[in-house]
Amino acid sequence: MQADLLRMSSLVQTAIERSMQAFLGLDSEIAERVISDDGEINRLRFAIEDACLQTLATQQPAARDLRMVLSTMTIATELERMGDHATGIAKLALRVQDHRLAPFPAVLQQMGDLGVTMLRSVITAFAARDAQQAYGVANDDEIMDAQYQAVFHKLAAQLRADKLTTDYVLALLFAAHNLERIGDRIVNICERVIFASSGQLKELDEGERNL
């Protein structure tokens, strides 16, 4: 199960990277590849869930092993939804093909890079059962939120100044929103890493992320 989860995480990381490459580079070929590859991410999610259910039914794990199985199921679901967000960005890339000369906010690329870094770190924390590292990753989501707000305000100002078309601004905002949601789902994974390693099951609000 852990091997499949690591493979699934790697595919999601690649999907995020390629979706941003497609969006910022206006590359329809890469966008189509991200969309078609999402099927493998979905397949792995259900394979992991099936393996977890089989383990629960046949081996009746207890204590820490039980927490690991339950956390694995939840993390697989979060990864699958992150793949959907990456696919959403790839689909947006196909919608902005007529805007090749329009500027992209630099912070949009920063959001994509941060999302990949956070995902890689939280999966490392899960493999190591490292709750403290998970807290640190969750704390980085505040940076992601701030970057999203920066994109929103910048695009709103440009729209008011009639420098960009409404459709183009909406595409950029939806792309940024998908990235912001990826950050939120990584925080959900952080919660499961903490649960698996310590038995504590709680929502990480901003006040608790610095623990």
N, C-alpha and C. Protein backbone atom coordinates (compact mmCIF):
# COMPACT_ATOMS: atom_id res chain seq x y z
N MET A 1 0.83 -1.21 0.00
CA MET A 1 0.00 0.00 0.00
C MET A 1 0.86 1.26 0.00
N GLN A 2 1.92 1.24 0.80
CA GLN A 2 2.79 2.41 0.86
C GLN A 2 3.50 2.63 -0.46
N ALA A 3 3.90 1.54 -1.12
CA ALA A 3 4.56 1.68 -2.41
C ALA A 3 3.62 2.31 -3.44
N ASP A 4 2.36 1.87 -3.45
CA ASP A 4 1.38 2.45 -4.37
C ASP A 4 1.11 3.91 -4.03
N LEU A 5 1.09 4.22 -2.73
CA LEU A 5 0.85 5.60 -2.32
C LEU A 5 2.00 6.51 -2.76
N LEU A 6 3.23 6.02 -2.63
CA LEU A 6 4.38 6.80 -3.08
C LEU A 6 4.35 7.00 -4.59
N ARG A 7 3.95 5.96 -5.31
CA ARG A 7 3.84 6.09 -6.78
C ARG A 7 2.74 7.10 -7.13
N MET A 8 1.63 7.01 -6.44
CA MET A 8 0.53 7.93 -6.70
C MET A 8 0.96 9.36 -6.42
N SER A 9 1.67 9.58 -5.33
CA SER A 9 2.17 10.91 -4.99
C SER A 9 3.09 11.44 -6.09
N SER A 10 3.96 10.58 -6.59
CA SER A 10 4.86 10.98 -7.66
C SER A 10 4.10 11.40 -8.91
N LEU A 11 3.04 10.66 -9.23
CA LEU A 11 2.23 11.00 -10.41
C LEU A 11 1.52 12.34 -10.21
N VAL A 12 1.05 12.60 -9.00
CA VAL A 12 0.38 13.87 -8.73
C VAL A 12 1.37 15.03 -8.80
N GLN A 13 2.56 14.83 -8.26
CA GLN A 13 3.59 15.87 -8.37
C GLN A 13 3.86 16.20 -9.83
N THR A 14 4.00 15.17 -10.65
CA THR A 14 4.24 15.37 -12.07
C THR A 14 3.08 16.08 -12.73
N ALA A 15 1.86 15.72 -12.34
CA ALA A 15 0.67 16.35 -12.91
C ALA A 15 0.64 17.84 -12.60
N ILE A 16 0.98 18.20 -11.36
CA ILE A 16 0.99 19.62 -10.98
C ILE A 16 2.05 20.37 -11.79
N GLU A 17 3.25 19.79 -11.87
CA GLU A 17 4.34 20.44 -12.60
C GLU A 17 3.98 20.61 -14.07
N ARG A 18 3.43 19.56 -14.67
CA ARG A 18 3.09 19.62 -16.10
C ARG A 18 1.91 20.55 -16.36
N SER A 19 0.95 20.57 -15.45
CA SER A 19 -0.20 21.46 -15.66
C SER A 19 0.25 22.92 -15.65
N MET A 20 1.19 23.24 -14.75
CA MET A 20 1.71 24.60 -14.71
C MET A 20 2.54 24.90 -15.95
N GLN A 21 3.29 23.92 -16.39
CA GLN A 21 4.07 24.09 -17.62
C GLN A 21 3.16 24.33 -18.81
N ALA A 22 2.06 23.59 -18.85
CA ALA A 22 1.10 23.75 -19.94
C ALA A 22 0.40 25.11 -19.87
N PHE A 23 0.04 25.52 -18.66
CA PHE A 23 -0.70 26.77 -18.49
C PHE A 23 0.18 27.98 -18.78
N LEU A 24 1.35 28.01 -18.17
CA LEU A 24 2.23 29.17 -18.33
C LEU A 24 2.90 29.19 -19.69
N GLY A 25 3.12 28.00 -20.27
CA GLY A 25 3.74 27.92 -21.58
C GLY A 25 2.75 27.82 -22.72
N LEU A 26 1.45 27.81 -22.38
CA LEU A 26 0.40 27.69 -23.38
C LEU A 26 0.66 26.50 -24.31
N ASP A 27 0.93 25.35 -23.68
CA ASP A 27 1.28 24.14 -24.42
C ASP A 27 0.11 23.16 -24.36
N SER A 28 -0.63 23.07 -25.44
CA SER A 28 -1.82 22.22 -25.46
C SER A 28 -1.46 20.74 -25.43
N GLU A 29 -0.31 20.37 -25.97
CA GLU A 29 0.08 18.96 -25.97
C GLU A 29 0.34 18.46 -24.55
N ILE A 30 1.04 19.25 -23.76
CA ILE A 30 1.29 18.86 -22.37
C ILE A 30 -0.02 18.86 -21.58
N ALA A 31 -0.88 19.82 -21.86
CA ALA A 31 -2.17 19.87 -21.17
C ALA A 31 -2.98 18.61 -21.44
N GLU A 32 -3.02 18.17 -22.67
CA GLU A 32 -3.76 16.96 -23.01
C GLU A 32 -3.15 15.73 -22.32
N ARG A 33 -1.84 15.73 -22.16
CA ARG A 33 -1.19 14.61 -21.49
C ARG A 33 -1.58 14.55 -20.02
N VAL A 34 -1.63 15.70 -19.37
CA VAL A 34 -2.04 15.74 -17.96
C VAL A 34 -3.46 15.19 -17.82
N ILE A 35 -4.33 15.60 -18.71
CA ILE A 35 -5.72 15.16 -18.66
C ILE A 35 -5.83 13.65 -18.86
N SER A 36 -5.09 13.12 -19.82
CA SER A 36 -5.18 11.68 -20.09
C SER A 36 -4.53 10.85 -18.99
N ASP A 37 -3.47 11.37 -18.37
CA ASP A 37 -2.76 10.62 -17.32
C ASP A 37 -3.52 10.59 -16.00
N ASP A 38 -4.56 11.40 -15.88
CA ASP A 38 -5.33 11.42 -14.63
C ASP A 38 -6.00 10.08 -14.36
N GLY A 39 -6.26 9.32 -15.40
CA GLY A 39 -6.89 8.02 -15.22
C GLY A 39 -6.05 7.08 -14.38
N GLU A 40 -4.73 7.13 -14.50
CA GLU A 40 -3.85 6.27 -13.71
C GLU A 40 -3.87 6.67 -12.24
N ILE A 41 -3.95 7.97 -11.98
CA ILE A 41 -4.07 8.44 -10.60
C ILE A 41 -5.36 7.91 -9.97
N ASN A 42 -6.45 7.99 -10.73
CA ASN A 42 -7.72 7.48 -10.22
C ASN A 42 -7.66 5.98 -9.97
N ARG A 43 -7.00 5.26 -10.87
CA ARG A 43 -6.90 3.80 -10.72
C ARG A 43 -6.14 3.44 -9.45
N LEU A 44 -5.06 4.15 -9.19
CA LEU A 44 -4.27 3.86 -8.00
C LEU A 44 -5.05 4.16 -6.73
N ARG A 45 -5.85 5.20 -6.75
CA ARG A 45 -6.65 5.51 -5.56
C ARG A 45 -7.54 4.32 -5.19
N PHE A 46 -8.25 3.78 -6.17
CA PHE A 46 -9.16 2.68 -5.87
C PHE A 46 -8.40 1.40 -5.53
N ALA A 47 -7.23 1.22 -6.13
CA ALA A 47 -6.41 0.04 -5.79
C ALA A 47 -5.94 0.12 -4.34
N ILE A 48 -5.54 1.32 -3.91
CA ILE A 48 -5.09 1.51 -2.53
C ILE A 48 -6.25 1.31 -1.56
N GLU A 49 -7.39 1.88 -1.87
CA GLU A 49 -8.56 1.71 -1.01
C GLU A 49 -8.95 0.24 -0.89
N ASP A 50 -8.91 -0.47 -2.00
CA ASP A 50 -9.26 -1.90 -1.97
C ASP A 50 -8.27 -2.67 -1.10
N ALA A 51 -6.99 -2.36 -1.23
CA ALA A 51 -5.98 -3.05 -0.42
C ALA A 51 -6.17 -2.74 1.06
N CYS A 52 -6.52 -1.50 1.36
CA CYS A 52 -6.76 -1.12 2.76
C CYS A 52 -7.96 -1.87 3.33
N LEU A 53 -9.03 -1.96 2.57
CA LEU A 53 -10.22 -2.67 3.03
C LEU A 53 -9.93 -4.15 3.22
N GLN A 54 -9.15 -4.73 2.31
CA GLN A 54 -8.78 -6.14 2.45
C GLN A 54 -7.96 -6.36 3.71
N THR A 55 -7.07 -5.43 3.99
CA THR A 55 -6.25 -5.53 5.20
C THR A 55 -7.10 -5.44 6.46
N LEU A 56 -8.04 -4.50 6.46
CA LEU A 56 -8.92 -4.36 7.61
C LEU A 56 -9.76 -5.61 7.83
N ALA A 57 -10.22 -6.23 6.75
CA ALA A 57 -11.10 -7.39 6.85
C ALA A 57 -10.37 -8.67 7.22
N THR A 58 -9.14 -8.82 6.73
CA THR A 58 -8.45 -10.10 6.90
C THR A 58 -7.40 -10.11 8.00
N GLN A 59 -6.81 -8.95 8.30
CA GLN A 59 -5.72 -8.94 9.27
C GLN A 59 -6.09 -8.24 10.58
N GLN A 60 -7.20 -7.50 10.57
CA GLN A 60 -7.68 -6.81 11.77
C GLN A 60 -6.54 -6.08 12.51
N PRO A 61 -5.91 -5.12 11.84
CA PRO A 61 -4.80 -4.40 12.48
C PRO A 61 -5.28 -3.60 13.68
N ALA A 62 -4.39 -3.40 14.63
CA ALA A 62 -4.73 -2.66 15.85
C ALA A 62 -3.74 -1.52 16.06
N ALA A 63 -4.15 -0.57 16.88
CA ALA A 63 -3.29 0.53 17.33
C ALA A 63 -2.65 1.25 16.14
N ARG A 64 -1.31 1.34 16.14
CA ARG A 64 -0.62 2.15 15.14
C ARG A 64 -0.83 1.61 13.73
N ASP A 65 -0.87 0.29 13.57
CA ASP A 65 -1.10 -0.28 12.25
C ASP A 65 -2.47 0.12 11.72
N LEU A 66 -3.46 0.12 12.59
CA LEU A 66 -4.81 0.53 12.18
C LEU A 66 -4.81 1.98 11.75
N ARG A 67 -4.13 2.83 12.50
CA ARG A 67 -4.07 4.24 12.14
C ARG A 67 -3.40 4.44 10.79
N MET A 68 -2.37 3.64 10.51
CA MET A 68 -1.68 3.75 9.23
C MET A 68 -2.59 3.37 8.08
N VAL A 69 -3.36 2.30 8.25
CA VAL A 69 -4.27 1.86 7.18
C VAL A 69 -5.34 2.91 6.93
N LEU A 70 -5.95 3.41 8.00
CA LEU A 70 -7.00 4.42 7.84
C LEU A 70 -6.44 5.71 7.23
N SER A 71 -5.24 6.11 7.65
CA SER A 71 -4.61 7.32 7.10
C SER A 71 -4.28 7.14 5.63
N THR A 72 -3.82 5.95 5.27
CA THR A 72 -3.49 5.68 3.87
C THR A 72 -4.70 5.84 2.97
N MET A 73 -5.85 5.36 3.44
CA MET A 73 -7.08 5.51 2.65
C MET A 73 -7.42 6.98 2.44
N THR A 74 -7.33 7.77 3.49
CA THR A 74 -7.66 9.19 3.39
C THR A 74 -6.67 9.92 2.50
N ILE A 75 -5.38 9.63 2.66
CA ILE A 75 -4.36 10.30 1.86
C ILE A 75 -4.54 9.98 0.37
N ALA A 76 -4.89 8.74 0.05
CA ALA A 76 -5.12 8.37 -1.35
C ALA A 76 -6.25 9.20 -1.94
N THR A 77 -7.30 9.42 -1.16
CA THR A 77 -8.41 10.25 -1.63
C THR A 77 -7.97 11.69 -1.86
N GLU A 78 -7.20 12.24 -0.93
CA GLU A 78 -6.72 13.61 -1.08
C GLU A 78 -5.81 13.74 -2.31
N LEU A 79 -4.95 12.75 -2.53
CA LEU A 79 -4.07 12.79 -3.70
C LEU A 79 -4.88 12.74 -5.00
N GLU A 80 -5.91 11.92 -5.02
CA GLU A 80 -6.74 11.82 -6.22
C GLU A 80 -7.41 13.16 -6.53
N ARG A 81 -7.86 13.84 -5.49
CA ARG A 81 -8.49 15.14 -5.70
C ARG A 81 -7.48 16.20 -6.11
N MET A 82 -6.26 16.08 -5.62
CA MET A 82 -5.21 16.98 -6.09
C MET A 82 -4.92 16.76 -7.56
N GLY A 83 -4.98 15.51 -7.99
CA GLY A 83 -4.85 15.22 -9.41
C GLY A 83 -5.95 15.88 -10.22
N ASP A 84 -7.16 15.91 -9.65
CA ASP A 84 -8.26 16.59 -10.31
C ASP A 84 -8.00 18.09 -10.44
N HIS A 85 -7.41 18.68 -9.40
CA HIS A 85 -7.07 20.11 -9.47
C HIS A 85 -6.03 20.37 -10.56
N ALA A 86 -5.04 19.49 -10.66
CA ALA A 86 -4.03 19.63 -11.72
C ALA A 86 -4.68 19.51 -13.10
N THR A 87 -5.60 18.56 -13.22
CA THR A 87 -6.33 18.40 -14.48
C THR A 87 -7.13 19.66 -14.80
N GLY A 88 -7.71 20.26 -13.77
CA GLY A 88 -8.45 21.50 -13.98
C GLY A 88 -7.58 22.60 -14.54
N ILE A 89 -6.35 22.69 -14.04
CA ILE A 89 -5.42 23.70 -14.55
C ILE A 89 -5.06 23.40 -16.01
N ALA A 90 -4.87 22.11 -16.32
CA ALA A 90 -4.55 21.72 -17.69
C ALA A 90 -5.70 22.08 -18.64
N LYS A 91 -6.92 21.88 -18.20
CA LYS A 91 -8.08 22.25 -19.03
C LYS A 91 -8.15 23.76 -19.24
N LEU A 92 -7.78 24.51 -18.20
CA LEU A 92 -7.74 25.97 -18.34
C LEU A 92 -6.67 26.38 -19.34
N ALA A 93 -5.58 25.62 -19.38
CA ALA A 93 -4.51 25.92 -20.34
C ALA A 93 -5.03 25.87 -21.76
N LEU A 94 -5.96 24.97 -22.01
CA LEU A 94 -6.54 24.86 -23.35
C LEU A 94 -7.46 26.03 -23.66
N ARG A 95 -7.96 26.69 -22.62
CA ARG A 95 -8.89 27.81 -22.82
C ARG A 95 -8.16 29.13 -23.07
N VAL A 96 -6.89 29.22 -22.70
CA VAL A 96 -6.19 30.51 -22.82
C VAL A 96 -5.21 30.52 -23.99
N GLN A 97 -5.43 29.64 -24.95
CA GLN A 97 -4.51 29.56 -26.09
C GLN A 97 -4.47 30.84 -26.92
N ASP A 98 -5.52 31.64 -26.86
CA ASP A 98 -5.57 32.87 -27.66
C ASP A 98 -4.94 34.06 -26.95
N HIS A 99 -4.33 33.82 -25.79
CA HIS A 99 -3.76 34.93 -25.00
C HIS A 99 -2.24 34.81 -24.90
N ARG A 100 -1.61 34.46 -25.99
CA ARG A 100 -0.17 34.19 -25.94
C ARG A 100 0.66 35.42 -25.58
N LEU A 101 0.15 36.60 -25.81
CA LEU A 101 0.93 37.80 -25.52
C LEU A 101 0.56 38.43 -24.18
N ALA A 102 -0.42 37.86 -23.50
CA ALA A 102 -0.85 38.43 -22.23
C ALA A 102 0.08 37.97 -21.11
N PRO A 103 0.30 38.82 -20.10
CA PRO A 103 1.23 38.48 -19.02
C PRO A 103 0.61 37.52 -18.01
N PHE A 104 1.44 36.66 -17.45
CA PHE A 104 1.04 35.80 -16.34
C PHE A 104 1.67 36.35 -15.06
N PRO A 105 0.92 36.42 -13.96
CA PRO A 105 1.52 36.85 -12.70
C PRO A 105 2.62 35.87 -12.27
N ALA A 106 3.79 36.38 -11.94
CA ALA A 106 4.91 35.52 -11.55
C ALA A 106 4.57 34.68 -10.33
N VAL A 107 3.71 35.22 -9.47
CA VAL A 107 3.37 34.51 -8.24
C VAL A 107 2.62 33.22 -8.53
N LEU A 108 2.02 33.11 -9.71
CA LEU A 108 1.30 31.89 -10.07
C LEU A 108 2.28 30.71 -10.16
N GLN A 109 3.44 30.95 -10.77
CA GLN A 109 4.47 29.91 -10.83
C GLN A 109 4.99 29.59 -9.44
N GLN A 110 5.11 30.59 -8.60
CA GLN A 110 5.57 30.37 -7.23
C GLN A 110 4.59 29.48 -6.47
N MET A 111 3.31 29.67 -6.69
CA MET A 111 2.31 28.82 -6.05
C MET A 111 2.46 27.37 -6.50
N GLY A 112 2.67 27.17 -7.79
CA GLY A 112 2.85 25.81 -8.29
C GLY A 112 4.08 25.14 -7.71
N ASP A 113 5.18 25.89 -7.66
CA ASP A 113 6.42 25.34 -7.09
C ASP A 113 6.25 24.99 -5.62
N LEU A 114 5.55 25.87 -4.88
CA LEU A 114 5.34 25.62 -3.46
C LEU A 114 4.46 24.40 -3.25
N GLY A 115 3.44 24.24 -4.07
CA GLY A 115 2.58 23.08 -3.95
C GLY A 115 3.33 21.78 -4.13
N VAL A 116 4.21 21.73 -5.11
CA VAL A 116 5.01 20.52 -5.35
C VAL A 116 5.94 20.27 -4.16
N THR A 117 6.58 21.32 -3.66
CA THR A 117 7.49 21.17 -2.52
C THR A 117 6.74 20.68 -1.28
N MET A 118 5.58 21.26 -1.02
CA MET A 118 4.78 20.83 0.14
C MET A 118 4.36 19.38 0.01
N LEU A 119 3.93 18.98 -1.17
CA LEU A 119 3.49 17.60 -1.37
C LEU A 119 4.64 16.63 -1.16
N ARG A 120 5.79 16.95 -1.74
CA ARG A 120 6.95 16.07 -1.57
C ARG A 120 7.32 15.94 -0.09
N SER A 121 7.26 17.04 0.63
CA SER A 121 7.65 17.04 2.04
C SER A 121 6.66 16.27 2.91
N VAL A 122 5.37 16.41 2.63
CA VAL A 122 4.39 15.74 3.48
C VAL A 122 4.41 14.23 3.25
N ILE A 123 4.69 13.80 2.04
CA ILE A 123 4.80 12.36 1.78
C ILE A 123 6.05 11.80 2.45
N THR A 124 7.12 12.57 2.47
CA THR A 124 8.32 12.16 3.21
C THR A 124 8.00 12.04 4.69
N ALA A 125 7.23 12.99 5.22
CA ALA A 125 6.83 12.94 6.62
C ALA A 125 5.98 11.71 6.90
N PHE A 126 5.11 11.35 5.98
CA PHE A 126 4.26 10.18 6.17
C PHE A 126 5.11 8.90 6.18
N ALA A 127 6.04 8.80 5.26
CA ALA A 127 6.89 7.61 5.20
C ALA A 127 7.74 7.48 6.46
N ALA A 128 8.15 8.61 7.04
CA ALA A 128 8.99 8.61 8.24
C ALA A 128 8.18 8.67 9.54
N ARG A 129 6.85 8.77 9.42
CA ARG A 129 5.98 8.92 10.60
C ARG A 129 6.41 10.13 11.43
N ASP A 130 6.69 11.25 10.74
CA ASP A 130 7.27 12.42 11.37
C ASP A 130 6.20 13.51 11.54
N ALA A 131 5.61 13.58 12.73
CA ALA A 131 4.55 14.55 12.99
C ALA A 131 5.07 15.98 12.94
N GLN A 132 6.28 16.22 13.45
CA GLN A 132 6.83 17.57 13.47
C GLN A 132 7.03 18.12 12.06
N GLN A 133 7.49 17.27 11.16
CA GLN A 133 7.65 17.71 9.77
C GLN A 133 6.29 18.04 9.17
N ALA A 134 5.27 17.27 9.54
CA ALA A 134 3.93 17.54 9.04
C ALA A 134 3.43 18.89 9.51
N TYR A 135 3.69 19.24 10.76
CA TYR A 135 3.32 20.57 11.26
C TYR A 135 4.00 21.67 10.43
N GLY A 136 5.27 21.46 10.10
CA GLY A 136 5.99 22.45 9.31
C GLY A 136 5.42 22.62 7.93
N VAL A 137 5.04 21.51 7.30
CA VAL A 137 4.44 21.59 5.96
C VAL A 137 3.12 22.33 6.03
N ALA A 138 2.30 22.02 7.03
CA ALA A 138 1.01 22.69 7.17
C ALA A 138 1.19 24.19 7.33
N ASN A 139 2.25 24.59 8.02
CA ASN A 139 2.53 26.01 8.23
C ASN A 139 2.80 26.73 6.90
N ASP A 140 3.38 26.00 5.93
CA ASP A 140 3.68 26.60 4.63
C ASP A 140 2.41 26.97 3.86
N ASP A 141 1.27 26.39 4.26
CA ASP A 141 0.03 26.72 3.56
C ASP A 141 -0.34 28.18 3.74
N GLU A 142 0.13 28.80 4.81
CA GLU A 142 -0.12 30.23 5.01
C GLU A 142 0.55 31.04 3.90
N ILE A 143 1.71 30.58 3.44
CA ILE A 143 2.39 31.25 2.33
C ILE A 143 1.55 31.10 1.06
N MET A 144 1.04 29.88 0.85
CA MET A 144 0.19 29.63 -0.32
C MET A 144 -1.04 30.53 -0.31
N ASP A 145 -1.67 30.67 0.85
CA ASP A 145 -2.85 31.53 0.96
C ASP A 145 -2.50 32.98 0.64
N ALA A 146 -1.36 33.44 1.15
CA ALA A 146 -0.93 34.82 0.89
C ALA A 146 -0.66 35.04 -0.59
N GLN A 147 -0.06 34.05 -1.24
CA GLN A 147 0.21 34.15 -2.67
C GLN A 147 -1.10 34.20 -3.47
N TYR A 148 -2.07 33.41 -3.04
CA TYR A 148 -3.38 33.43 -3.71
C TYR A 148 -4.02 34.80 -3.60
N GLN A 149 -3.95 35.40 -2.42
CA GLN A 149 -4.51 36.73 -2.24
C GLN A 149 -3.78 37.75 -3.11
N ALA A 150 -2.47 37.58 -3.27
CA ALA A 150 -1.70 38.50 -4.11
C ALA A 150 -2.14 38.40 -5.57
N VAL A 151 -2.35 37.17 -6.04
CA VAL A 151 -2.83 36.98 -7.41
C VAL A 151 -4.20 37.62 -7.59
N PHE A 152 -5.07 37.37 -6.63
CA PHE A 152 -6.45 37.89 -6.72
C PHE A 152 -6.45 39.42 -6.82
N HIS A 153 -5.72 40.07 -5.94
CA HIS A 153 -5.74 41.54 -5.92
C HIS A 153 -5.07 42.12 -7.17
N LYS A 154 -4.02 41.48 -7.64
CA LYS A 154 -3.32 41.97 -8.83
C LYS A 154 -4.24 41.88 -10.06
N LEU A 155 -4.91 40.75 -10.20
CA LEU A 155 -5.78 40.56 -11.36
C LEU A 155 -7.02 41.45 -11.27
N ALA A 156 -7.53 41.65 -10.06
CA ALA A 156 -8.69 42.53 -9.90
C ALA A 156 -8.34 43.95 -10.32
N ALA A 157 -7.14 44.39 -9.96
CA ALA A 157 -6.70 45.74 -10.34
C ALA A 157 -6.55 45.86 -11.85
N GLN A 158 -5.97 44.83 -12.48
CA GLN A 158 -5.79 44.88 -13.93
C GLN A 158 -7.12 44.83 -14.66
N LEU A 159 -8.09 44.09 -14.08
CA LEU A 159 -9.41 44.02 -14.70
C LEU A 159 -10.11 45.37 -14.62
N ARG A 160 -10.00 46.05 -13.47
CA ARG A 160 -10.61 47.36 -13.32
C ARG A 160 -9.99 48.38 -14.28
N ALA A 161 -8.72 48.18 -14.59
CA ALA A 161 -8.03 49.10 -15.50
C ALA A 161 -8.22 48.72 -16.97
N ASP A 162 -9.04 47.68 -17.20
CA ASP A 162 -9.33 47.22 -18.56
C ASP A 162 -8.07 46.79 -19.32
N LYS A 163 -7.09 46.26 -18.58
CA LYS A 163 -5.86 45.81 -19.24
C LYS A 163 -5.95 44.35 -19.69
N LEU A 164 -6.90 43.60 -19.13
CA LEU A 164 -7.06 42.19 -19.48
C LEU A 164 -8.53 41.89 -19.71
N THR A 165 -8.81 40.89 -20.54
CA THR A 165 -10.20 40.50 -20.78
C THR A 165 -10.73 39.71 -19.59
N THR A 166 -12.04 39.75 -19.41
CA THR A 166 -12.67 39.07 -18.29
C THR A 166 -12.43 37.57 -18.34
N ASP A 167 -12.55 36.96 -19.51
CA ASP A 167 -12.36 35.51 -19.64
C ASP A 167 -10.95 35.10 -19.23
N TYR A 168 -9.98 35.91 -19.63
CA TYR A 168 -8.59 35.60 -19.31
C TYR A 168 -8.34 35.72 -17.81
N VAL A 169 -8.87 36.76 -17.20
CA VAL A 169 -8.70 36.95 -15.75
C VAL A 169 -9.35 35.79 -15.00
N LEU A 170 -10.52 35.38 -15.42
CA LEU A 170 -11.20 34.27 -14.76
C LEU A 170 -10.39 32.98 -14.87
N ALA A 171 -9.78 32.75 -16.01
CA ALA A 171 -8.95 31.55 -16.18
C ALA A 171 -7.77 31.58 -15.22
N LEU A 172 -7.13 32.73 -15.09
CA LEU A 172 -6.01 32.86 -14.16
C LEU A 172 -6.46 32.66 -12.72
N LEU A 173 -7.61 33.23 -12.38
CA LEU A 173 -8.12 33.09 -11.01
C LEU A 173 -8.49 31.64 -10.70
N PHE A 174 -9.08 30.95 -11.66
CA PHE A 174 -9.43 29.55 -11.44
C PHE A 174 -8.17 28.69 -11.29
N ALA A 175 -7.13 29.01 -12.06
CA ALA A 175 -5.87 28.29 -11.93
C ALA A 175 -5.27 28.51 -10.55
N ALA A 176 -5.28 29.75 -10.10
CA ALA A 176 -4.76 30.05 -8.76
C ALA A 176 -5.59 29.37 -7.68
N HIS A 177 -6.91 29.33 -7.89
CA HIS A 177 -7.79 28.68 -6.91
C HIS A 177 -7.48 27.19 -6.82
N ASN A 178 -7.24 26.56 -7.96
CA ASN A 178 -6.88 25.13 -7.94
C ASN A 178 -5.60 24.90 -7.15
N LEU A 179 -4.62 25.78 -7.32
CA LEU A 179 -3.38 25.65 -6.57
C LEU A 179 -3.60 25.87 -5.07
N GLU A 180 -4.44 26.83 -4.74
CA GLU A 180 -4.74 27.09 -3.33
C GLU A 180 -5.43 25.88 -2.70
N ARG A 181 -6.31 25.24 -3.46
CA ARG A 181 -6.99 24.04 -2.96
C ARG A 181 -6.01 22.87 -2.80
N ILE A 182 -5.02 22.79 -3.66
CA ILE A 182 -3.98 21.77 -3.50
C ILE A 182 -3.30 21.96 -2.16
N GLY A 183 -2.99 23.21 -1.82
CA GLY A 183 -2.39 23.48 -0.51
C GLY A 183 -3.28 23.03 0.63
N ASP A 184 -4.58 23.28 0.51
CA ASP A 184 -5.51 22.86 1.56
C ASP A 184 -5.54 21.34 1.70
N ARG A 185 -5.49 20.65 0.60
CA ARG A 185 -5.52 19.18 0.67
C ARG A 185 -4.22 18.62 1.25
N ILE A 186 -3.13 19.31 1.03
CA ILE A 186 -1.87 18.90 1.66
C ILE A 186 -1.97 19.05 3.16
N VAL A 187 -2.63 20.11 3.63
CA VAL A 187 -2.85 20.27 5.07
C VAL A 187 -3.68 19.11 5.61
N ASN A 188 -4.68 18.66 4.85
CA ASN A 188 -5.47 17.49 5.26
C ASN A 188 -4.58 16.27 5.41
N ILE A 189 -3.61 16.12 4.49
CA ILE A 189 -2.68 14.99 4.59
C ILE A 189 -1.81 15.15 5.84
N CYS A 190 -1.39 16.37 6.12
CA CYS A 190 -0.61 16.62 7.34
C CYS A 190 -1.36 16.13 8.57
N GLU A 191 -2.65 16.39 8.62
CA GLU A 191 -3.45 15.95 9.75
C GLU A 191 -3.42 14.44 9.89
N ARG A 192 -3.42 13.74 8.76
CA ARG A 192 -3.40 12.28 8.80
C ARG A 192 -2.02 11.74 9.17
N VAL A 193 -0.97 12.45 8.78
CA VAL A 193 0.37 12.05 9.19
C VAL A 193 0.49 12.15 10.71
N ILE A 194 -0.03 13.22 11.27
CA ILE A 194 0.01 13.42 12.72
C ILE A 194 -0.81 12.34 13.42
N PHE A 195 -1.97 12.03 12.87
CA PHE A 195 -2.82 10.97 13.44
C PHE A 195 -2.12 9.62 13.39
N ALA A 196 -1.50 9.30 12.25
CA ALA A 196 -0.84 8.00 12.10
C ALA A 196 0.32 7.85 13.07
N SER A 197 1.05 8.93 13.31
CA SER A 197 2.25 8.83 14.14
C SER A 197 1.99 9.01 15.62
N SER A 198 0.96 9.80 15.96
CA SER A 198 0.76 10.13 17.37
C SER A 198 -0.61 9.72 17.92
N GLY A 199 -1.54 9.44 17.04
CA GLY A 199 -2.88 9.11 17.50
C GLY A 199 -3.76 10.32 17.68
N GLN A 200 -3.22 11.52 17.50
CA GLN A 200 -4.01 12.75 17.63
C GLN A 200 -4.75 13.03 16.33
N LEU A 201 -6.05 13.18 16.41
CA LEU A 201 -6.87 13.45 15.23
C LEU A 201 -7.56 14.80 15.44
N LYS A 202 -7.06 15.83 14.74
CA LYS A 202 -7.63 17.15 14.91
C LYS A 202 -7.40 17.98 13.67
N GLU A 203 -8.20 19.02 13.54
CA GLU A 203 -8.04 19.94 12.42
C GLU A 203 -6.94 20.93 12.75
N LEU A 204 -6.06 21.16 11.80
CA LEU A 204 -4.97 22.11 12.00
C LEU A 204 -5.41 23.50 11.59
N ASP A 205 -5.76 24.34 12.55
CA ASP A 205 -6.02 25.72 12.23
C ASP A 205 -4.70 26.48 12.28
N GLU A 206 -4.74 27.76 11.94
CA GLU A 206 -3.49 28.53 11.83
C GLU A 206 -2.75 28.61 13.16
N GLY A 207 -3.50 28.61 14.26
CA GLY A 207 -2.85 28.70 15.56
C GLY A 207 -2.11 27.45 15.96
N GLU A 208 -2.53 26.30 15.41
CA GLU A 208 -1.91 25.03 15.79
C GLU A 208 -0.80 24.60 14.84
N ARG A 209 -0.70 25.22 13.68
CA ARG A 209 0.28 24.78 12.69
C ARG A 209 1.70 25.06 13.13
N ASN A 210 1.90 25.99 14.07
CA ASN A 210 3.24 26.33 14.50
C ASN A 210 3.73 25.49 15.68
N LEU A 211 2.92 24.50 16.10
CA LEU A 211 3.31 23.68 17.25
C LEU A 211 4.54 22.83 16.92
